[in-house]
Amino acid sequence: MEETWGLHDYSDGTITASVDPVCGTVVDESKARGKFEYAGQFYYFCSKDCKRTFEEEPSRYIWRPHQAA
């Protein structure tokens, strides 16, 4: 199973929607305007503009948990 960033439907283990990391729109993965793999995870986008923005600087849009020192 591929890694994705977004919303999951745990009823049968399939992923049905993701959150566009650039604008926060919920995206139906089957209707996404773009898909991009970064650091082993797939990201889905509501528009080609959001995908292009993400590709230019992915680290700006990826949330990483704060690690305690």
PDB file of N, CA and C in Angstrom:
ATOM      1  N   MET A   1       0.842  -1.179   0.000  1.00  0.00           N
ATOM      2  CA  MET A   1       0.000   0.000   0.000  1.00  0.00           C
ATOM      3  C   MET A   1       0.885   1.239   0.000  1.00  0.00           C
ATOM      4  N   GLU A   2       0.576   2.190  -0.861  1.00  0.00           N
ATOM      5  CA  GLU A   2       1.386   3.392  -0.930  1.00  0.00           C
ATOM      6  C   GLU A   2       1.108   4.311   0.250  1.00  0.00           C
ATOM      7  N   GLU A   3       2.110   5.065   0.637  1.00  0.00           N
ATOM      8  CA  GLU A   3       1.960   6.022   1.730  1.00  0.00           C
ATOM      9  C   GLU A   3       1.354   7.298   1.174  1.00  0.00           C
ATOM     10  N   THR A   4       0.369   7.847   1.839  1.00  0.00           N
ATOM     11  CA  THR A   4      -0.227   9.110   1.431  1.00  0.00           C
ATOM     12  C   THR A   4      -0.419  10.003   2.633  1.00  0.00           C
ATOM     13  N   TRP A   5      -0.575  11.245   2.369  1.00  0.00           N
ATOM     14  CA  TRP A   5      -0.812  12.226   3.410  1.00  0.00           C
ATOM     15  C   TRP A   5      -2.250  12.662   3.273  1.00  0.00           C
ATOM     16  N   GLY A   6      -3.059  12.433   4.275  1.00  0.00           N
ATOM     17  CA  GLY A   6      -4.424  12.892   4.155  1.00  0.00           C
ATOM     18  C   GLY A   6      -5.400  12.172   5.042  1.00  0.00           C
ATOM     19  N   LEU A   7      -6.611  12.087   4.555  1.00  0.00           N
ATOM     20  CA  LEU A   7      -7.710  11.506   5.295  1.00  0.00           C
ATOM     21  C   LEU A   7      -7.842  10.046   4.917  1.00  0.00           C
ATOM     22  N   HIS A   8      -8.181   9.223   5.877  1.00  0.00           N
ATOM     23  CA  HIS A   8      -8.281   7.794   5.635  1.00  0.00           C
ATOM     24  C   HIS A   8      -9.663   7.289   5.991  1.00  0.00           C
ATOM     25  N   ASP A   9     -10.114   6.295   5.250  1.00  0.00           N
ATOM     26  CA  ASP A   9     -11.344   5.587   5.569  1.00  0.00           C
ATOM     27  C   ASP A   9     -10.905   4.242   6.102  1.00  0.00           C
ATOM     28  N   TYR A  10     -10.991   4.061   7.413  1.00  0.00           N
ATOM     29  CA  TYR A  10     -10.483   2.847   8.034  1.00  0.00           C
ATOM     30  C   TYR A  10     -11.476   1.689   8.000  1.00  0.00           C
ATOM     31  N   SER A  11     -12.649   1.875   7.420  1.00  0.00           N
ATOM     32  CA  SER A  11     -13.639   0.812   7.395  1.00  0.00           C
ATOM     33  C   SER A  11     -13.136  -0.413   6.646  1.00  0.00           C
ATOM     34  N   ASP A  12     -12.418  -0.209   5.556  1.00  0.00           N
ATOM     35  CA  ASP A  12     -11.857  -1.347   4.828  1.00  0.00           C
ATOM     36  C   ASP A  12     -10.383  -1.157   4.496  1.00  0.00           C
ATOM     37  N   GLY A  13      -9.772  -0.131   5.058  1.00  0.00           N
ATOM     38  CA  GLY A  13      -8.346   0.097   4.866  1.00  0.00           C
ATOM     39  C   GLY A  13      -7.993   0.889   3.629  1.00  0.00           C
ATOM     40  N   THR A  14      -8.979   1.289   2.839  1.00  0.00           N
ATOM     41  CA  THR A  14      -8.666   2.057   1.639  1.00  0.00           C
ATOM     42  C   THR A  14      -8.652   3.543   1.947  1.00  0.00           C
ATOM     43  N   ILE A  15      -7.915   4.263   1.164  1.00  0.00           N
ATOM     44  CA  ILE A  15      -7.820   5.705   1.307  1.00  0.00           C
ATOM     45  C   ILE A  15      -8.730   6.328   0.257  1.00  0.00           C
ATOM     46  N   THR A  16      -9.595   7.215   0.675  1.00  0.00           N
ATOM     47  CA  THR A  16     -10.567   7.787  -0.244  1.00  0.00           C
ATOM     48  C   THR A  16     -10.322   9.260  -0.546  1.00  0.00           C
ATOM     49  N   ALA A  17      -9.713   9.985   0.391  1.00  0.00           N
ATOM     50  CA  ALA A  17      -9.497  11.412   0.202  1.00  0.00           C
ATOM     51  C   ALA A  17      -8.225  11.837   0.918  1.00  0.00           C
ATOM     52  N   SER A  18      -7.659  12.916   0.418  1.00  0.00           N
ATOM     53  CA  SER A  18      -6.462  13.491   1.017  1.00  0.00           C
ATOM     54  C   SER A  18      -6.663  14.988   1.150  1.00  0.00           C
ATOM     55  N   VAL A  19      -5.816  15.616   1.936  1.00  0.00           N
ATOM     56  CA  VAL A  19      -5.833  17.066   2.082  1.00  0.00           C
ATOM     57  C   VAL A  19      -4.710  17.636   1.233  1.00  0.00           C
ATOM     58  N   ASP A  20      -5.048  18.564   0.358  1.00  0.00           N
ATOM     59  CA  ASP A  20      -4.043  19.256  -0.448  1.00  0.00           C
ATOM     60  C   ASP A  20      -3.138  20.005   0.531  1.00  0.00           C
ATOM     61  N   PRO A  21      -1.837  19.698   0.575  1.00  0.00           N
ATOM     62  CA  PRO A  21      -0.955  20.319   1.571  1.00  0.00           C
ATOM     63  C   PRO A  21      -0.714  21.807   1.348  1.00  0.00           C
ATOM     64  N   VAL A  22      -1.026  22.311   0.161  1.00  0.00           N
ATOM     65  CA  VAL A  22      -0.793  23.723  -0.123  1.00  0.00           C
ATOM     66  C   VAL A  22      -1.962  24.583   0.346  1.00  0.00           C
ATOM     67  N   CYS A  23      -3.188  24.194  -0.015  1.00  0.00           N
ATOM     68  CA  CYS A  23      -4.340  25.052   0.288  1.00  0.00           C
ATOM     69  C   CYS A  23      -5.292  24.470   1.320  1.00  0.00           C
ATOM     70  N   GLY A  24      -5.132  23.181   1.671  1.00  0.00           N
ATOM     71  CA  GLY A  24      -5.976  22.572   2.684  1.00  0.00           C
ATOM     72  C   GLY A  24      -7.290  22.002   2.187  1.00  0.00           C
ATOM     73  N   THR A  25      -7.522  22.026   0.882  1.00  0.00           N
ATOM     74  CA  THR A  25      -8.748  21.476   0.314  1.00  0.00           C
ATOM     75  C   THR A  25      -8.752  19.956   0.428  1.00  0.00           C
ATOM     76  N   VAL A  26      -9.908  19.386   0.770  1.00  0.00           N
ATOM     77  CA  VAL A  26     -10.043  17.930   0.778  1.00  0.00           C
ATOM     78  C   VAL A  26     -10.202  17.494  -0.676  1.00  0.00           C
ATOM     79  N   VAL A  27      -9.365  16.552  -1.092  1.00  0.00           N
ATOM     80  CA  VAL A  27      -9.315  16.114  -2.482  1.00  0.00           C
ATOM     81  C   VAL A  27      -9.695  14.639  -2.584  1.00  0.00           C
ATOM     82  N   ASP A  28     -10.684  14.349  -3.421  1.00  0.00           N
ATOM     83  CA  ASP A  28     -11.012  12.964  -3.762  1.00  0.00           C
ATOM     84  C   ASP A  28      -9.852  12.473  -4.624  1.00  0.00           C
ATOM     85  N   GLU A  29      -9.123  11.477  -4.158  1.00  0.00           N
ATOM     86  CA  GLU A  29      -7.917  11.038  -4.857  1.00  0.00           C
ATOM     87  C   GLU A  29      -8.191  10.592  -6.285  1.00  0.00           C
ATOM     88  N   SER A  30      -9.362  10.052  -6.549  1.00  0.00           N
ATOM     89  CA  SER A  30      -9.681   9.600  -7.907  1.00  0.00           C
ATOM     90  C   SER A  30      -9.935  10.771  -8.855  1.00  0.00           C
ATOM     91  N   LYS A  31     -10.146  11.974  -8.304  1.00  0.00           N
ATOM     92  CA  LYS A  31     -10.424  13.151  -9.124  1.00  0.00           C
ATOM     93  C   LYS A  31      -9.354  14.229  -8.958  1.00  0.00           C
ATOM     94  N   ALA A  32      -8.260  13.910  -8.296  1.00  0.00           N
ATOM     95  CA  ALA A  32      -7.198  14.890  -8.035  1.00  0.00           C
ATOM     96  C   ALA A  32      -6.652  15.449  -9.340  1.00  0.00           C
ATOM     97  N   ARG A  33      -6.284  16.726  -9.309  1.00  0.00           N
ATOM     98  CA  ARG A  33      -5.706  17.397 -10.478  1.00  0.00           C
ATOM     99  C   ARG A  33      -4.199  17.160 -10.577  1.00  0.00           C
ATOM    100  N   GLY A  34      -3.634  16.559  -9.526  1.00  0.00           N
ATOM    101  CA  GLY A  34      -2.216  16.263  -9.541  1.00  0.00           C
ATOM    102  C   GLY A  34      -1.848  15.347  -8.396  1.00  0.00           C
ATOM    103  N   LYS A  35      -0.785  14.586  -8.596  1.00  0.00           N
ATOM    104  CA  LYS A  35      -0.256  13.662  -7.593  1.00  0.00           C
ATOM    105  C   LYS A  35       1.258  13.774  -7.654  1.00  0.00           C
ATOM    106  N   PHE A  36       1.896  13.807  -6.487  1.00  0.00           N
ATOM    107  CA  PHE A  36       3.350  13.981  -6.445  1.00  0.00           C
ATOM    108  C   PHE A  36       3.916  13.149  -5.313  1.00  0.00           C
ATOM    109  N   GLU A  37       4.999  12.442  -5.594  1.00  0.00           N
ATOM    110  CA  GLU A  37       5.663  11.656  -4.549  1.00  0.00           C
ATOM    111  C   GLU A  37       6.836  12.445  -4.022  1.00  0.00           C
ATOM    112  N   TYR A  38       6.917  12.533  -2.696  1.00  0.00           N
ATOM    113  CA  TYR A  38       8.019  13.228  -2.046  1.00  0.00           C
ATOM    114  C   TYR A  38       8.355  12.486  -0.764  1.00  0.00           C
ATOM    115  N   ALA A  39       9.607  12.157  -0.575  1.00  0.00           N
ATOM    116  CA  ALA A  39      10.100  11.483   0.630  1.00  0.00           C
ATOM    117  C   ALA A  39       9.302  10.220   0.940  1.00  0.00           C
ATOM    118  N   GLY A  40       8.948   9.479  -0.124  1.00  0.00           N
ATOM    119  CA  GLY A  40       8.268   8.203   0.051  1.00  0.00           C
ATOM    120  C   GLY A  40       6.775   8.291   0.315  1.00  0.00           C
ATOM    121  N   GLN A  41       6.207   9.482   0.208  1.00  0.00           N
ATOM    122  CA  GLN A  41       4.764   9.653   0.416  1.00  0.00           C
ATOM    123  C   GLN A  41       4.158  10.316  -0.811  1.00  0.00           C
ATOM    124  N   PHE A  42       2.897  10.001  -1.052  1.00  0.00           N
ATOM    125  CA  PHE A  42       2.174  10.621  -2.157  1.00  0.00           C
ATOM    126  C   PHE A  42       1.295  11.745  -1.623  1.00  0.00           C
ATOM    127  N   TYR A  43       1.249  12.835  -2.372  1.00  0.00           N
ATOM    128  CA  TYR A  43       0.442  13.995  -2.040  1.00  0.00           C
ATOM    129  C   TYR A  43      -0.476  14.263  -3.224  1.00  0.00           C
ATOM    130  N   TYR A  44      -1.724  14.622  -2.942  1.00  0.00           N
ATOM    131  CA  TYR A  44      -2.727  14.871  -3.976  1.00  0.00           C
ATOM    132  C   TYR A  44      -3.134  16.334  -3.933  1.00  0.00           C
ATOM    133  N   PHE A  45      -3.466  16.888  -5.104  1.00  0.00           N
ATOM    134  CA  PHE A  45      -3.706  18.320  -5.225  1.00  0.00           C
ATOM    135  C   PHE A  45      -5.019  18.633  -5.922  1.00  0.00           C
ATOM    136  N   CYS A  46      -5.623  19.745  -5.509  1.00  0.00           N
ATOM    137  CA  CYS A  46      -6.888  20.180  -6.095  1.00  0.00           C
ATOM    138  C   CYS A  46      -6.682  20.867  -7.438  1.00  0.00           C
ATOM    139  N   SER A  47      -5.466  21.357  -7.683  1.00  0.00           N
ATOM    140  CA  SER A  47      -5.193  22.066  -8.942  1.00  0.00           C
ATOM    141  C   SER A  47      -3.734  21.861  -9.348  1.00  0.00           C
ATOM    142  N   LYS A  48      -3.472  22.125 -10.618  1.00  0.00           N
ATOM    143  CA  LYS A  48      -2.095  22.053 -11.112  1.00  0.00           C
ATOM    144  C   LYS A  48      -1.240  23.143 -10.470  1.00  0.00           C
ATOM    145  N   ASP A  49      -1.853  24.281 -10.137  1.00  0.00           N
ATOM    146  CA  ASP A  49      -1.112  25.368  -9.479  1.00  0.00           C
ATOM    147  C   ASP A  49      -0.629  24.940  -8.096  1.00  0.00           C
ATOM    148  N   CYS A  50      -1.500  24.266  -7.331  1.00  0.00           N
ATOM    149  CA  CYS A  50      -1.078  23.799  -6.004  1.00  0.00           C
ATOM    150  C   CYS A  50       0.036  22.767  -6.133  1.00  0.00           C
ATOM    151  N   LYS A  51      -0.071  21.882  -7.099  1.00  0.00           N
ATOM    152  CA  LYS A  51       0.975  20.872  -7.307  1.00  0.00           C
ATOM    153  C   LYS A  51       2.305  21.544  -7.649  1.00  0.00           C
ATOM    154  N   ARG A  52       2.256  22.511  -8.552  1.00  0.00           N
ATOM    155  CA  ARG A  52       3.478  23.223  -8.965  1.00  0.00           C
ATOM    156  C   ARG A  52       4.089  23.972  -7.775  1.00  0.00           C
ATOM    157  N   THR A  53       3.257  24.609  -6.970  1.00  0.00           N
ATOM    158  CA  THR A  53       3.736  25.328  -5.782  1.00  0.00           C
ATOM    159  C   THR A  53       4.430  24.365  -4.827  1.00  0.00           C
ATOM    160  N   PHE A  54       3.824  23.198  -4.601  1.00  0.00           N
ATOM    161  CA  PHE A  54       4.399  22.193  -3.716  1.00  0.00           C
ATOM    162  C   PHE A  54       5.735  21.690  -4.263  1.00  0.00           C
ATOM    163  N   GLU A  55       5.804  21.416  -5.554  1.00  0.00           N
ATOM    164  CA  GLU A  55       7.031  20.904  -6.174  1.00  0.00           C
ATOM    165  C   GLU A  55       8.200  21.874  -6.012  1.00  0.00           C
ATOM    166  N   GLU A  56       7.914  23.163  -6.001  1.00  0.00           N
ATOM    167  CA  GLU A  56       8.968  24.173  -5.870  1.00  0.00           C
ATOM    168  C   GLU A  56       9.605  24.179  -4.493  1.00  0.00           C
ATOM    169  N   GLU A  57       8.831  23.876  -3.446  1.00  0.00           N
ATOM    170  CA  GLU A  57       9.358  23.913  -2.080  1.00  0.00           C
ATOM    171  C   GLU A  57       8.543  22.996  -1.160  1.00  0.00           C
ATOM    172  N   PRO A  58       8.650  21.669  -1.352  1.00  0.00           N
ATOM    173  CA  PRO A  58       7.815  20.743  -0.579  1.00  0.00           C
ATOM    174  C   PRO A  58       7.981  20.859   0.935  1.00  0.00           C
ATOM    175  N   SER A  59       9.173  21.105   1.399  1.00  0.00           N
ATOM    176  CA  SER A  59       9.398  21.146   2.850  1.00  0.00           C
ATOM    177  C   SER A  59       8.598  22.261   3.526  1.00  0.00           C
ATOM    178  N   ARG A  60       8.211  23.259   2.787  1.00  0.00           N
ATOM    179  CA  ARG A  60       7.414  24.355   3.343  1.00  0.00           C
ATOM    180  C   ARG A  60       5.991  23.909   3.686  1.00  0.00           C
ATOM    181  N   TYR A  61       5.510  22.867   3.015  1.00  0.00           N
ATOM    182  CA  TYR A  61       4.114  22.459   3.152  1.00  0.00           C
ATOM    183  C   TYR A  61       3.902  21.163   3.918  1.00  0.00           C
ATOM    184  N   ILE A  62       4.969  20.552   4.350  1.00  0.00           N
ATOM    185  CA  ILE A  62       4.842  19.289   5.068  1.00  0.00           C
ATOM    186  C   ILE A  62       4.951  19.558   6.557  1.00  0.00           C
ATOM    187  N   TRP A  63       3.907  19.149   7.275  1.00  0.00           N
ATOM    188  CA  TRP A  63       3.900  19.301   8.726  1.00  0.00           C
ATOM    189  C   TRP A  63       4.722  18.182   9.333  1.00  0.00           C
ATOM    190  N   ARG A  64       5.608  18.535  10.210  1.00  0.00           N
ATOM    191  CA  ARG A  64       6.406  17.541  10.930  1.00  0.00           C
ATOM    192  C   ARG A  64       6.188  17.767  12.419  1.00  0.00           C
ATOM    193  N   PRO A  65       5.921  16.707  13.160  1.00  0.00           N
ATOM    194  CA  PRO A  65       5.712  16.868  14.604  1.00  0.00           C
ATOM    195  C   PRO A  65       6.937  17.458  15.277  1.00  0.00           C
ATOM    196  N   HIS A  66       6.702  18.288  16.262  1.00  0.00           N
ATOM    197  CA  HIS A  66       7.799  18.876  17.032  1.00  0.00           C
ATOM    198  C   HIS A  66       8.439  17.793  17.900  1.00  0.00           C
ATOM    199  N   GLN A  67       9.729  17.695  17.839  1.00  0.00           N
ATOM    200  CA  GLN A  67      10.433  16.708  18.650  1.00  0.00           C
ATOM    201  C   GLN A  67      10.993  17.390  19.879  1.00  0.00           C
ATOM    202  N   ALA A  68      10.703  16.824  21.034  1.00  0.00           N
ATOM    203  CA  ALA A  68      11.220  17.379  22.286  1.00  0.00           C
ATOM    204  C   ALA A  68      12.733  17.205  22.358  1.00  0.00           C
ATOM    205  N   ALA A  69      13.396  18.180  22.909  1.00  0.00           N
ATOM    206  CA  ALA A  69      14.862  18.131  23.014  1.00  0.00           C
ATOM    207  C   ALA A  69      15.294  17.221  24.130  1.00  0.00           C
TER     208      ALA A  69
END
